[in-house]
């Protein structure tokens, strides 16, 4: 049996991933480790498979969304529509 990381939604608690603060700098290594990944590359791969965006692109989209829609109801929600 091949030992591989568990699917993103099972191994990374949603609260950890969706609590990314797009307004500040993100330490992807710390976030990946806190989510239970042994390296940032596996975290990034599974993040993209789960969200359709790389972690960096996700933060860029969130930042743009927050700039374009200040105070929107989705302001505190994960994965706003692009």
Protein backbone atom coordinates (compact mmCIF):
# COMPACT_ATOMS: atom_id res chain seq x y z
CA UNK A 1 0.00 0.00 0.00
CA UNK A 2 1.33 3.44 -0.93
CA UNK A 3 1.50 5.95 1.90
CA UNK A 4 0.20 9.28 0.62
CA UNK A 5 -1.36 12.35 2.20
CA UNK A 6 -5.04 12.14 3.05
CA UNK A 7 -7.42 14.14 0.88
CA UNK A 8 -7.23 17.85 1.64
CA UNK A 9 -10.70 18.16 3.10
CA UNK A 10 -10.01 15.26 5.49
CA UNK A 11 -6.52 16.13 6.69
CA UNK A 12 -6.63 19.92 6.83
CA UNK A 13 -9.28 21.25 9.17
CA UNK A 14 -11.45 23.73 7.32
CA UNK A 15 -11.02 26.22 10.15
CA UNK A 16 -7.26 26.26 9.55
CA UNK A 17 -7.49 26.74 5.80
CA UNK A 18 -10.44 29.09 5.68
CA UNK A 19 -9.08 31.21 8.52
CA UNK A 20 -6.40 32.56 6.18
CA UNK A 21 -6.35 36.29 6.72
CA UNK A 22 -6.01 37.77 3.22
CA UNK A 23 -5.28 41.20 4.69
CA UNK A 24 -1.93 40.15 6.13
CA UNK A 25 1.11 38.14 5.11
CA UNK A 26 0.68 34.36 5.02
CA UNK A 27 3.41 31.96 6.13
CA UNK A 28 2.52 29.01 3.90
CA UNK A 29 5.03 26.70 5.59
CA UNK A 30 3.53 27.31 9.02
CA UNK A 31 0.01 26.96 7.65
CA UNK A 32 0.86 23.68 5.92
CA UNK A 33 2.50 22.31 9.07
CA UNK A 34 -0.43 23.43 11.21
CA UNK A 35 -2.79 21.65 8.84
CA UNK A 36 -0.85 18.41 9.27
CA UNK A 37 1.18 18.36 6.04
CA UNK A 38 4.81 17.31 6.12
CA UNK A 39 5.72 19.83 3.42
CA UNK A 40 4.35 22.90 1.71
CA UNK A 41 4.29 21.28 -1.75
CA UNK A 42 1.77 18.63 -0.74
CA UNK A 43 -0.37 21.26 0.94
CA UNK A 44 -0.30 23.45 -2.19
CA UNK A 45 -1.17 20.55 -4.48
CA UNK A 46 -4.14 19.44 -2.39
CA UNK A 47 -5.25 23.05 -1.80
CA UNK A 48 -5.41 23.56 -5.56
CA UNK A 49 -7.25 20.28 -6.11
CA UNK A 50 -9.79 21.31 -3.45
CA UNK A 51 -10.28 24.99 -4.36
CA UNK A 52 -9.24 25.17 -8.01
CA UNK A 53 -6.70 27.85 -7.07
CA UNK A 54 -3.14 27.81 -5.83
CA UNK A 55 -2.85 29.11 -2.26
CA UNK A 56 -1.25 32.34 -3.49
CA UNK A 57 -3.92 32.87 -6.14
CA UNK A 58 -6.63 32.19 -3.56
CA UNK A 59 -5.27 35.00 -1.37
CA UNK A 60 -5.05 37.32 -4.39
CA UNK A 61 -8.69 36.62 -5.27
CA UNK A 62 -9.76 37.15 -1.66
CA UNK A 63 -7.87 40.44 -1.49
CA UNK A 64 -9.42 41.68 -4.73
CA UNK A 65 -12.87 40.61 -3.57
CA UNK A 66 -12.46 42.48 -0.28
CA UNK A 67 -11.29 45.62 -2.11
CA UNK A 68 -14.15 45.52 -4.63
CA UNK A 69 -16.89 44.56 -2.14
CA UNK A 70 -16.12 46.15 1.24
CA UNK A 71 -18.56 45.04 3.94
CA UNK A 72 -20.12 42.36 1.70
CA UNK A 73 -21.91 39.46 3.42
CA UNK A 74 -19.28 37.10 1.96
CA UNK A 75 -16.52 39.16 3.58
CA UNK A 76 -16.02 36.49 6.28
CA UNK A 77 -16.79 33.45 4.13
CA UNK A 78 -14.34 31.19 2.31
CA UNK A 79 -14.00 30.97 -1.46
CA UNK A 80 -15.88 34.03 -2.76
CA UNK A 81 -17.06 33.88 -6.35
CA UNK A 82 -14.54 35.33 -8.77
